[in-house]
Every structure is written in structure tokens, then in C-alpha cells.
PDB file of all heavy atoms in Angstrom:
ATOM      1  N   LEU A   1     -11.573 -61.142 -27.608  1.00  0.00           N
ATOM      2  CA  LEU A   1     -11.554 -60.527 -26.282  1.00  0.00           C
ATOM      3  C   LEU A   1     -10.215 -59.855 -26.005  1.00  0.00           C
ATOM      4  O   LEU A   1     -10.165 -58.713 -25.539  1.00  0.00           O
ATOM      5  CB  LEU A   1     -11.855 -61.577 -25.213  1.00  0.00           C
ATOM      6  CG  LEU A   1     -11.875 -61.034 -23.778  1.00  0.00           C
ATOM      7  CD1 LEU A   1     -13.111 -61.514 -23.041  1.00  0.00           C
ATOM      8  CD2 LEU A   1     -10.621 -61.447 -23.009  1.00  0.00           C
ATOM      9  N   LEU A   2      -9.113 -60.537 -26.300  1.00  0.00           N
ATOM     10  CA  LEU A   2      -7.791 -59.957 -26.062  1.00  0.00           C
ATOM     11  C   LEU A   2      -7.563 -58.740 -26.944  1.00  0.00           C
ATOM     12  O   LEU A   2      -7.073 -57.705 -26.483  1.00  0.00           O
ATOM     13  CB  LEU A   2      -6.717 -61.019 -26.312  1.00  0.00           C
ATOM     14  CG  LEU A   2      -5.266 -60.585 -26.101  1.00  0.00           C
ATOM     15  CD1 LEU A   2      -5.043 -60.044 -24.694  1.00  0.00           C
ATOM     16  CD2 LEU A   2      -4.314 -61.754 -26.383  1.00  0.00           C
ATOM     17  N   TYR A   3      -7.949 -58.838 -28.203  1.00  0.00           N
ATOM     18  CA  TYR A   3      -7.785 -57.709 -29.128  1.00  0.00           C
ATOM     19  C   TYR A   3      -8.600 -56.509 -28.670  1.00  0.00           C
ATOM     20  O   TYR A   3      -8.119 -55.373 -28.645  1.00  0.00           O
ATOM     21  CB  TYR A   3      -8.207 -58.131 -30.533  1.00  0.00           C
ATOM     22  CG  TYR A   3      -8.246 -56.994 -31.530  1.00  0.00           C
ATOM     23  CD1 TYR A   3      -7.084 -56.546 -32.160  1.00  0.00           C
ATOM     24  CD2 TYR A   3      -9.449 -56.368 -31.854  1.00  0.00           C
ATOM     25  CE1 TYR A   3      -7.125 -55.505 -33.067  1.00  0.00           C
ATOM     26  CE2 TYR A   3      -9.491 -55.333 -32.761  1.00  0.00           C
ATOM     27  CZ  TYR A   3      -8.326 -54.905 -33.369  1.00  0.00           C
ATOM     28  OH  TYR A   3      -8.367 -53.857 -34.269  1.00  0.00           O
ATOM     29  N   THR A   4      -9.846 -56.736 -28.287  1.00  0.00           N
ATOM     30  CA  THR A   4     -10.706 -55.643 -27.824  1.00  0.00           C
ATOM     31  C   THR A   4     -10.120 -54.989 -26.583  1.00  0.00           C
ATOM     32  O   THR A   4     -10.109 -53.759 -26.456  1.00  0.00           O
ATOM     33  CB  THR A   4     -12.117 -56.158 -27.532  1.00  0.00           C
ATOM     34  OG1 THR A   4     -12.664 -56.742 -28.715  1.00  0.00           O
ATOM     35  CG2 THR A   4     -13.028 -55.032 -27.066  1.00  0.00           C
ATOM     36  N   ALA A   5      -9.623 -55.786 -25.663  1.00  0.00           N
ATOM     37  CA  ALA A   5      -9.096 -55.253 -24.407  1.00  0.00           C
ATOM     38  C   ALA A   5      -7.877 -54.368 -24.633  1.00  0.00           C
ATOM     39  O   ALA A   5      -7.804 -53.245 -24.126  1.00  0.00           O
ATOM     40  CB  ALA A   5      -8.748 -56.403 -23.458  1.00  0.00           C
ATOM     41  N   VAL A   6      -6.913 -54.850 -25.395  1.00  0.00           N
ATOM     42  CA  VAL A   6      -5.666 -54.077 -25.555  1.00  0.00           C
ATOM     43  C   VAL A   6      -5.882 -52.824 -26.400  1.00  0.00           C
ATOM     44  O   VAL A   6      -5.174 -51.820 -26.233  1.00  0.00           O
ATOM     45  CB  VAL A   6      -4.533 -54.936 -26.145  1.00  0.00           C
ATOM     46  CG1 VAL A   6      -4.228 -56.118 -25.243  1.00  0.00           C
ATOM     47  CG2 VAL A   6      -4.852 -55.400 -27.552  1.00  0.00           C
ATOM     48  N   THR A   7      -6.862 -52.848 -27.277  1.00  0.00           N
ATOM     49  CA  THR A   7      -7.103 -51.668 -28.120  1.00  0.00           C
ATOM     50  C   THR A   7      -7.956 -50.616 -27.424  1.00  0.00           C
ATOM     51  O   THR A   7      -8.323 -49.613 -28.047  1.00  0.00           O
ATOM     52  CB  THR A   7      -7.753 -52.075 -29.453  1.00  0.00           C
ATOM     53  OG1 THR A   7      -8.939 -52.838 -29.208  1.00  0.00           O
ATOM     54  CG2 THR A   7      -6.791 -52.895 -30.300  1.00  0.00           C
ATOM     55  N   ARG A   8      -8.258 -50.791 -26.151  1.00  0.00           N
ATOM     56  CA  ARG A   8      -8.924 -49.728 -25.384  1.00  0.00           C
ATOM     57  C   ARG A   8      -7.906 -48.698 -24.891  1.00  0.00           C
ATOM     58  O   ARG A   8      -8.296 -47.645 -24.386  1.00  0.00           O
ATOM     59  CB  ARG A   8      -9.635 -50.300 -24.152  1.00  0.00           C
ATOM     60  CG  ARG A   8     -10.770 -51.304 -24.380  1.00  0.00           C
ATOM     61  CD  ARG A   8     -11.785 -50.835 -25.367  1.00  0.00           C
ATOM     62  NE  ARG A   8     -11.424 -51.262 -26.709  1.00  0.00           N
ATOM     63  CZ  ARG A   8     -11.775 -50.617 -27.812  1.00  0.00           C
ATOM     64  NH1 ARG A   8     -12.473 -49.508 -27.740  1.00  0.00           N
ATOM     65  NH2 ARG A   8     -11.416 -51.052 -29.004  1.00  0.00           N
ATOM     66  N   ALA A   9      -6.619 -48.989 -24.981  1.00  0.00           N
ATOM     67  CA  ALA A   9      -5.583 -48.133 -24.395  1.00  0.00           C
ATOM     68  C   ALA A   9      -5.029 -47.154 -25.409  1.00  0.00           C
ATOM     69  O   ALA A   9      -4.874 -47.470 -26.592  1.00  0.00           O
ATOM     70  CB  ALA A   9      -4.449 -48.989 -23.836  1.00  0.00           C
ATOM     71  N   ALA A  10      -4.692 -45.954 -24.931  1.00  0.00           N
ATOM     72  CA  ALA A  10      -4.067 -44.941 -25.773  1.00  0.00           C
ATOM     73  C   ALA A  10      -2.565 -44.876 -25.568  1.00  0.00           C
ATOM     74  O   ALA A  10      -1.824 -44.532 -26.497  1.00  0.00           O
ATOM     75  CB  ALA A  10      -4.686 -43.566 -25.490  1.00  0.00           C
ATOM     76  N   GLU A  11      -2.089 -45.195 -24.356  1.00  0.00           N
ATOM     77  CA  GLU A  11      -0.676 -44.994 -24.051  1.00  0.00           C
ATOM     78  C   GLU A  11       0.033 -46.247 -23.553  1.00  0.00           C
ATOM     79  O   GLU A  11       1.234 -46.412 -23.813  1.00  0.00           O
ATOM     80  CB  GLU A  11      -0.529 -43.900 -22.978  1.00  0.00           C
ATOM     81  CG  GLU A  11      -1.068 -42.545 -23.403  1.00  0.00           C
ATOM     82  CD  GLU A  11      -0.996 -41.525 -22.271  1.00  0.00           C
ATOM     83  OE1 GLU A  11      -0.461 -41.874 -21.195  1.00  0.00           O
ATOM     84  OE2 GLU A  11      -1.457 -40.394 -22.466  1.00  0.00           O
ATOM     85  N   PHE A  12      -0.656 -47.109 -22.830  1.00  0.00           N
ATOM     86  CA  PHE A  12       0.040 -48.208 -22.160  1.00  0.00           C
ATOM     87  C   PHE A  12      -0.910 -49.369 -21.913  1.00  0.00           C
ATOM     88  O   PHE A  12      -2.073 -49.159 -21.546  1.00  0.00           O
ATOM     89  CB  PHE A  12       0.609 -47.715 -20.817  1.00  0.00           C
ATOM     90  CG  PHE A  12       1.254 -48.779 -19.983  1.00  0.00           C
ATOM     91  CD1 PHE A  12       2.572 -49.150 -20.191  1.00  0.00           C
ATOM     92  CD2 PHE A  12       0.545 -49.409 -18.976  1.00  0.00           C
ATOM     93  CE1 PHE A  12       3.169 -50.144 -19.414  1.00  0.00           C
ATOM     94  CE2 PHE A  12       1.124 -50.395 -18.188  1.00  0.00           C
ATOM     95  CZ  PHE A  12       2.450 -50.765 -18.418  1.00  0.00           C
ATOM     96  N   VAL A  13      -0.409 -50.593 -22.121  1.00  0.00           N
ATOM     97  CA  VAL A  13      -1.164 -51.813 -21.835  1.00  0.00           C
ATOM     98  C   VAL A  13      -0.316 -52.718 -20.953  1.00  0.00           C
ATOM     99  O   VAL A  13       0.860 -52.951 -21.232  1.00  0.00           O
ATOM    100  CB  VAL A  13      -1.538 -52.565 -23.120  1.00  0.00           C
ATOM    101  CG1 VAL A  13      -2.088 -53.952 -22.792  1.00  0.00           C
ATOM    102  CG2 VAL A  13      -2.563 -51.790 -23.926  1.00  0.00           C
ATOM    103  N   ARG A  14      -0.943 -53.221 -19.903  1.00  0.00           N
ATOM    104  CA  ARG A  14      -0.327 -54.234 -19.047  1.00  0.00           C
ATOM    105  C   ARG A  14      -1.195 -55.492 -19.132  1.00  0.00           C
ATOM    106  O   ARG A  14      -2.398 -55.439 -18.872  1.00  0.00           O
ATOM    107  CB  ARG A  14      -0.254 -53.759 -17.594  1.00  0.00           C
ATOM    108  CG  ARG A  14       0.272 -54.807 -16.607  1.00  0.00           C
ATOM    109  CD  ARG A  14       0.173 -54.339 -15.171  1.00  0.00           C
ATOM    110  NE  ARG A  14       1.009 -53.159 -14.924  1.00  0.00           N
ATOM    111  CZ  ARG A  14       0.545 -51.917 -14.774  1.00  0.00           C
ATOM    112  NH1 ARG A  14      -0.779 -51.695 -14.853  1.00  0.00           N
ATOM    113  NH2 ARG A  14       1.344 -50.901 -14.555  1.00  0.00           N
ATOM    114  N   VAL A  15      -0.585 -56.611 -19.500  1.00  0.00           N
ATOM    115  CA  VAL A  15      -1.301 -57.882 -19.553  1.00  0.00           C
ATOM    116  C   VAL A  15      -0.901 -58.707 -18.343  1.00  0.00           C
ATOM    117  O   VAL A  15       0.288 -58.999 -18.141  1.00  0.00           O
ATOM    118  CB  VAL A  15      -0.986 -58.649 -20.852  1.00  0.00           C
ATOM    119  CG1 VAL A  15      -1.674 -60.009 -20.850  1.00  0.00           C
ATOM    120  CG2 VAL A  15      -1.421 -57.832 -22.064  1.00  0.00           C
ATOM    121  N   VAL A  16      -1.877 -59.062 -17.519  1.00  0.00           N
ATOM    122  CA  VAL A  16      -1.650 -59.881 -16.324  1.00  0.00           C
ATOM    123  C   VAL A  16      -2.137 -61.289 -16.633  1.00  0.00           C
ATOM    124  O   VAL A  16      -3.330 -61.510 -16.849  1.00  0.00           O
ATOM    125  CB  VAL A  16      -2.400 -59.309 -15.106  1.00  0.00           C
ATOM    126  CG1 VAL A  16      -2.164 -60.188 -13.878  1.00  0.00           C
ATOM    127  CG2 VAL A  16      -1.981 -57.875 -14.834  1.00  0.00           C
ATOM    128  N   GLY A  17      -1.215 -62.247 -16.670  1.00  0.00           N
ATOM    129  CA  GLY A  17      -1.599 -63.608 -16.993  1.00  0.00           C
ATOM    130  C   GLY A  17      -0.394 -64.473 -17.273  1.00  0.00           C
ATOM    131  O   GLY A  17       0.745 -64.083 -17.008  1.00  0.00           O
ATOM    132  N   THR A  18      -0.655 -65.633 -17.834  1.00  0.00           N
ATOM    133  CA  THR A  18       0.408 -66.572 -18.175  1.00  0.00           C
ATOM    134  C   THR A  18       0.607 -66.614 -19.685  1.00  0.00           C
ATOM    135  O   THR A  18      -0.285 -66.217 -20.451  1.00  0.00           O
ATOM    136  CB  THR A  18       0.072 -67.983 -17.685  1.00  0.00           C
ATOM    137  OG1 THR A  18      -1.104 -68.446 -18.380  1.00  0.00           O
ATOM    138  CG2 THR A  18      -0.204 -67.985 -16.183  1.00  0.00           C
ATOM    139  N   GLU A  19       1.776 -67.111 -20.087  1.00  0.00           N
ATOM    140  CA  GLU A  19       2.020 -67.266 -21.519  1.00  0.00           C
ATOM    141  C   GLU A  19       1.013 -68.229 -22.126  1.00  0.00           C
ATOM    142  O   GLU A  19       0.547 -68.037 -23.254  1.00  0.00           O
ATOM    143  CB  GLU A  19       3.443 -67.758 -21.758  1.00  0.00           C
ATOM    144  CG  GLU A  19       3.762 -67.955 -23.234  1.00  0.00           C
ATOM    145  CD  GLU A  19       5.204 -68.360 -23.500  1.00  0.00           C
ATOM    146  OE1 GLU A  19       6.096 -67.937 -22.734  1.00  0.00           O
ATOM    147  OE2 GLU A  19       5.441 -69.081 -24.500  1.00  0.00           O
ATOM    148  N   GLU A  20       0.655 -69.278 -21.381  1.00  0.00           N
ATOM    149  CA  GLU A  20      -0.326 -70.238 -21.887  1.00  0.00           C
ATOM    150  C   GLU A  20      -1.666 -69.573 -22.158  1.00  0.00           C
ATOM    151  O   GLU A  20      -2.341 -69.886 -23.158  1.00  0.00           O
ATOM    152  CB  GLU A  20      -0.515 -71.375 -20.872  1.00  0.00           C
ATOM    153  CG  GLU A  20       0.684 -72.293 -20.713  1.00  0.00           C
ATOM    154  CD  GLU A  20       1.832 -71.653 -19.939  1.00  0.00           C
ATOM    155  OE1 GLU A  20       1.578 -70.676 -19.196  1.00  0.00           O
ATOM    156  OE2 GLU A  20       2.976 -72.124 -20.078  1.00  0.00           O
ATOM    157  N   ALA A  21      -2.050 -68.639 -21.294  1.00  0.00           N
ATOM    158  CA  ALA A  21      -3.312 -67.929 -21.492  1.00  0.00           C
ATOM    159  C   ALA A  21      -3.254 -67.048 -22.735  1.00  0.00           C
ATOM    160  O   ALA A  21      -4.224 -66.978 -23.505  1.00  0.00           O
ATOM    161  CB  ALA A  21      -3.637 -67.091 -20.261  1.00  0.00           C
ATOM    162  N   VAL A  22      -2.145 -66.363 -22.936  1.00  0.00           N
ATOM    163  CA  VAL A  22      -1.993 -65.523 -24.127  1.00  0.00           C
ATOM    164  C   VAL A  22      -2.072 -66.371 -25.386  1.00  0.00           C
ATOM    165  O   VAL A  22      -2.785 -66.036 -26.347  1.00  0.00           O
ATOM    166  CB  VAL A  22      -0.666 -64.747 -24.079  1.00  0.00           C
ATOM    167  CG1 VAL A  22      -0.448 -63.986 -25.387  1.00  0.00           C
ATOM    168  CG2 VAL A  22      -0.649 -63.785 -22.900  1.00  0.00           C
ATOM    169  N   ARG A  23      -1.339 -67.475 -25.402  1.00  0.00           N
ATOM    170  CA  ARG A  23      -1.353 -68.340 -26.588  1.00  0.00           C
ATOM    171  C   ARG A  23      -2.738 -68.933 -26.839  1.00  0.00           C
ATOM    172  O   ARG A  23      -3.183 -69.038 -27.987  1.00  0.00           O
ATOM    173  CB  ARG A  23      -0.317 -69.453 -26.427  1.00  0.00           C
ATOM    174  CG  ARG A  23       1.129 -68.954 -26.505  1.00  0.00           C
ATOM    175  CD  ARG A  23       2.125 -70.099 -26.463  1.00  0.00           C
ATOM    176  NE  ARG A  23       3.487 -69.608 -26.614  1.00  0.00           N
ATOM    177  CZ  ARG A  23       4.073 -69.337 -27.788  1.00  0.00           C
ATOM    178  NH1 ARG A  23       3.396 -69.550 -28.920  1.00  0.00           N
ATOM    179  NH2 ARG A  23       5.307 -68.890 -27.838  1.00  0.00           N
ATOM    180  N   ALA A  24      -3.434 -69.285 -25.772  1.00  0.00           N
ATOM    181  CA  ALA A  24      -4.787 -69.833 -25.934  1.00  0.00           C
ATOM    182  C   ALA A  24      -5.725 -68.786 -26.527  1.00  0.00           C
ATOM    183  O   ALA A  24      -6.542 -69.093 -27.405  1.00  0.00           O
ATOM    184  CB  ALA A  24      -5.312 -70.326 -24.585  1.00  0.00           C
ATOM    185  N   ALA A  25      -5.618 -67.547 -26.043  1.00  0.00           N
ATOM    186  CA  ALA A  25      -6.487 -66.485 -26.559  1.00  0.00           C
ATOM    187  C   ALA A  25      -6.225 -66.229 -28.035  1.00  0.00           C
ATOM    188  O   ALA A  25      -7.163 -66.141 -28.844  1.00  0.00           O
ATOM    189  CB  ALA A  25      -6.263 -65.209 -25.756  1.00  0.00           C
ATOM    190  N   VAL A  26      -4.959 -66.111 -28.408  1.00  0.00           N
ATOM    191  CA  VAL A  26      -4.618 -65.802 -29.803  1.00  0.00           C
ATOM    192  C   VAL A  26      -5.059 -66.926 -30.732  1.00  0.00           C
ATOM    193  O   VAL A  26      -5.466 -66.680 -31.874  1.00  0.00           O
ATOM    194  CB  VAL A  26      -3.100 -65.552 -29.931  1.00  0.00           C
ATOM    195  CG1 VAL A  26      -2.708 -65.365 -31.392  1.00  0.00           C
ATOM    196  CG2 VAL A  26      -2.697 -64.319 -29.118  1.00  0.00           C
ATOM    197  N   ALA A  27      -5.013 -68.142 -30.256  1.00  0.00           N
ATOM    198  CA  ALA A  27      -5.339 -69.295 -31.095  1.00  0.00           C
ATOM    199  C   ALA A  27      -6.822 -69.613 -31.153  1.00  0.00           C
ATOM    200  O   ALA A  27      -7.223 -70.521 -31.879  1.00  0.00           O
ATOM    201  CB  ALA A  27      -4.578 -70.529 -30.586  1.00  0.00           C
ATOM    202  N   ARG A  28      -7.653 -68.876 -30.403  1.00  0.00           N
ATOM    203  CA  ARG A  28      -9.059 -69.248 -30.265  1.00  0.00           C
ATOM    204  C   ARG A  28      -9.975 -68.123 -30.745  1.00  0.00           C
ATOM    205  O   ARG A  28     -10.491 -67.340 -29.948  1.00  0.00           O
ATOM    206  CB  ARG A  28      -9.364 -69.583 -28.810  1.00  0.00           C
ATOM    207  CG  ARG A  28     -10.754 -70.168 -28.574  1.00  0.00           C
ATOM    208  CD  ARG A  28     -10.994 -70.322 -27.078  1.00  0.00           C
ATOM    209  NE  ARG A  28     -10.109 -71.303 -26.472  1.00  0.00           N
ATOM    210  CZ  ARG A  28      -9.699 -71.273 -25.212  1.00  0.00           C
ATOM    211  NH1 ARG A  28     -10.059 -70.286 -24.406  1.00  0.00           N
ATOM    212  NH2 ARG A  28      -8.905 -72.216 -24.747  1.00  0.00           N
ATOM    213  N   PRO A  29     -10.236 -68.022 -32.059  1.00  0.00           N
ATOM    214  CA  PRO A  29     -11.195 -67.019 -32.526  1.00  0.00           C
ATOM    215  C   PRO A  29     -12.612 -67.436 -32.188  1.00  0.00           C
ATOM    216  O   PRO A  29     -12.909 -68.637 -32.064  1.00  0.00           O
ATOM    217  CB  PRO A  29     -10.974 -66.994 -34.046  1.00  0.00           C
ATOM    218  CG  PRO A  29     -10.464 -68.362 -34.358  1.00  0.00           C
ATOM    219  CD  PRO A  29      -9.650 -68.797 -33.158  1.00  0.00           C
ATOM    220  N   VAL A  30     -13.477 -66.453 -32.014  1.00  0.00           N
ATOM    221  CA  VAL A  30     -14.880 -66.748 -31.738  1.00  0.00           C
ATOM    222  C   VAL A  30     -15.491 -67.423 -32.955  1.00  0.00           C
ATOM    223  O   VAL A  30     -15.345 -66.947 -34.087  1.00  0.00           O
ATOM    224  CB  VAL A  30     -15.647 -65.455 -31.396  1.00  0.00           C
ATOM    225  CG1 VAL A  30     -17.147 -65.740 -31.301  1.00  0.00           C
ATOM    226  CG2 VAL A  30     -15.158 -64.876 -30.078  1.00  0.00           C
ATOM    227  N   SER A  31     -16.174 -68.530 -32.750  1.00  0.00           N
ATOM    228  CA  SER A  31     -16.766 -69.257 -33.869  1.00  0.00           C
ATOM    229  C   SER A  31     -18.208 -68.861 -34.133  1.00  0.00           C
ATOM    230  O   SER A  31     -18.781 -69.212 -35.159  1.00  0.00           O
ATOM    231  CB  SER A  31     -16.695 -70.769 -33.600  1.00  0.00           C
ATOM    232  OG  SER A  31     -17.383 -71.090 -32.405  1.00  0.00           O
ATOM    233  N   ARG A  32     -18.797 -68.105 -33.198  1.00  0.00           N
ATOM    234  CA  ARG A  32     -20.204 -67.719 -33.356  1.00  0.00           C
ATOM    235  C   ARG A  32     -20.362 -66.795 -34.554  1.00  0.00           C
ATOM    236  O   ARG A  32     -19.556 -65.915 -34.798  1.00  0.00           O
ATOM    237  CB  ARG A  32     -20.674 -67.001 -32.093  1.00  0.00           C
ATOM    238  CG  ARG A  32     -22.122 -66.553 -32.134  1.00  0.00           C
ATOM    239  CD  ARG A  32     -22.558 -66.181 -30.737  1.00  0.00           C
ATOM    240  NE  ARG A  32     -21.782 -65.094 -30.180  1.00  0.00           N
ATOM    241  CZ  ARG A  32     -22.206 -63.838 -30.124  1.00  0.00           C
ATOM    242  NH1 ARG A  32     -23.386 -63.534 -30.619  1.00  0.00           N
ATOM    243  NH2 ARG A  32     -21.471 -62.902 -29.582  1.00  0.00           N
ATOM    244  N   ALA A  33     -21.407 -66.961 -35.316  1.00  0.00           N
ATOM    245  CA  ALA A  33     -21.651 -66.131 -36.501  1.00  0.00           C
ATOM    246  C   ALA A  33     -23.137 -65.876 -36.643  1.00  0.00           C
ATOM    247  O   ALA A  33     -23.971 -66.524 -36.025  1.00  0.00           O
ATOM    248  CB  ALA A  33     -21.110 -66.808 -37.758  1.00  0.00           C
ATOM    249  N   SER A  34     -23.474 -64.917 -37.507  1.00  0.00           N
ATOM    250  CA  SER A  34     -24.867 -64.536 -37.689  1.00  0.00           C
ATOM    251  C   SER A  34     -25.566 -65.345 -38.764  1.00  0.00           C
ATOM    252  O   SER A  34     -26.774 -65.297 -38.896  1.00  0.00           O
ATOM    253  CB  SER A  34     -24.941 -63.051 -38.064  1.00  0.00           C
ATOM    254  OG  SER A  34     -24.272 -62.831 -39.289  1.00  0.00           O
ATOM    255  N   GLY A  35     -24.784 -66.071 -39.577  1.00  0.00           N
ATOM    256  CA  GLY A  35     -25.377 -66.763 -40.710  1.00  0.00           C
ATOM    257  C   GLY A  35     -25.316 -65.946 -41.977  1.00  0.00           C
ATOM    258  O   GLY A  35     -25.619 -66.439 -43.058  1.00  0.00           O
ATOM    259  N   LEU A  36     -24.904 -64.678 -41.869  1.00  0.00           N
ATOM    260  CA  LEU A  36     -24.873 -63.816 -43.050  1.00  0.00           C
ATOM    261  C   LEU A  36     -23.727 -64.150 -43.975  1.00  0.00           C
ATOM    262  O   LEU A  36     -23.842 -64.081 -45.187  1.00  0.00           O
ATOM    263  CB  LEU A  36     -24.759 -62.343 -42.617  1.00  0.00           C
ATOM    264  CG  LEU A  36     -25.881 -61.781 -41.761  1.00  0.00           C
ATOM    265  CD1 LEU A  36     -25.625 -60.312 -41.496  1.00  0.00           C
ATOM    266  CD2 LEU A  36     -27.223 -61.974 -42.441  1.00  0.00           C
ATOM    267  N   ARG A  37     -22.568 -64.493 -43.388  1.00  0.00           N
ATOM    268  CA  ARG A  37     -21.371 -64.664 -44.199  1.00  0.00           C
ATOM    269  C   ARG A  37     -21.546 -65.765 -45.243  1.00  0.00           C
ATOM    270  O   ARG A  37     -21.164 -65.623 -46.398  1.00  0.00           O
ATOM    271  CB  ARG A  37     -20.184 -64.968 -43.294  1.00  0.00           C
ATOM    272  CG  ARG A  37     -18.848 -64.921 -44.008  1.00  0.00           C
ATOM    273  CD  ARG A  37     -17.719 -65.108 -43.028  1.00  0.00           C
ATOM    274  NE  ARG A  37     -16.436 -65.083 -43.676  1.00  0.00           N
ATOM    275  CZ  ARG A  37     -15.285 -65.287 -43.049  1.00  0.00           C
ATOM    276  NH1 ARG A  37     -15.279 -65.501 -41.760  1.00  0.00           N
ATOM    277  NH2 ARG A  37     -14.146 -65.281 -43.718  1.00  0.00           N
ATOM    278  N   HIS A  38     -22.166 -66.872 -44.832  1.00  0.00           N
ATOM    279  CA  HIS A  38     -22.381 -67.974 -45.756  1.00  0.00           C
ATOM    280  C   HIS A  38     -23.328 -67.548 -46.882  1.00  0.00           C
ATOM    281  O   HIS A  38     -23.084 -67.811 -48.058  1.00  0.00           O
ATOM    282  CB  HIS A  38     -22.962 -69.165 -44.994  1.00  0.00           C
ATOM    283  CG  HIS A  38     -23.384 -70.298 -45.887  1.00  0.00           C
ATOM    284  ND1 HIS A  38     -22.484 -71.076 -46.572  1.00  0.00           N
ATOM    285  CD2 HIS A  38     -24.628 -70.761 -46.197  1.00  0.00           C
ATOM    286  CE1 HIS A  38     -23.150 -71.983 -47.274  1.00  0.00           C
ATOM    287  NE2 HIS A  38     -24.447 -71.811 -47.063  1.00  0.00           N
TER     288      HIS A  38
END
């Protein structure tokens, strides 16, 4: 979610939040999968 959001910008990104929220987002990849990879 964080990666998708910041990569929508061409010139400037402003992140509104706490450091704890940023760290939680970076540390939490989506675990959902299609079953194809296995």
C-alpha cells in the first residue's frame, strides 16, 4: 500500500503519519497469494 501510494507521484510526495506507522507498513508485506507461486 505504501509503495503503491508514493509511486503515484511525479514530482512530490508528502507522507502524513507517524514513524511507527511507516515502520509498520514497511515491515508488513501482504501475505495473500494466488497459489500460483508454489
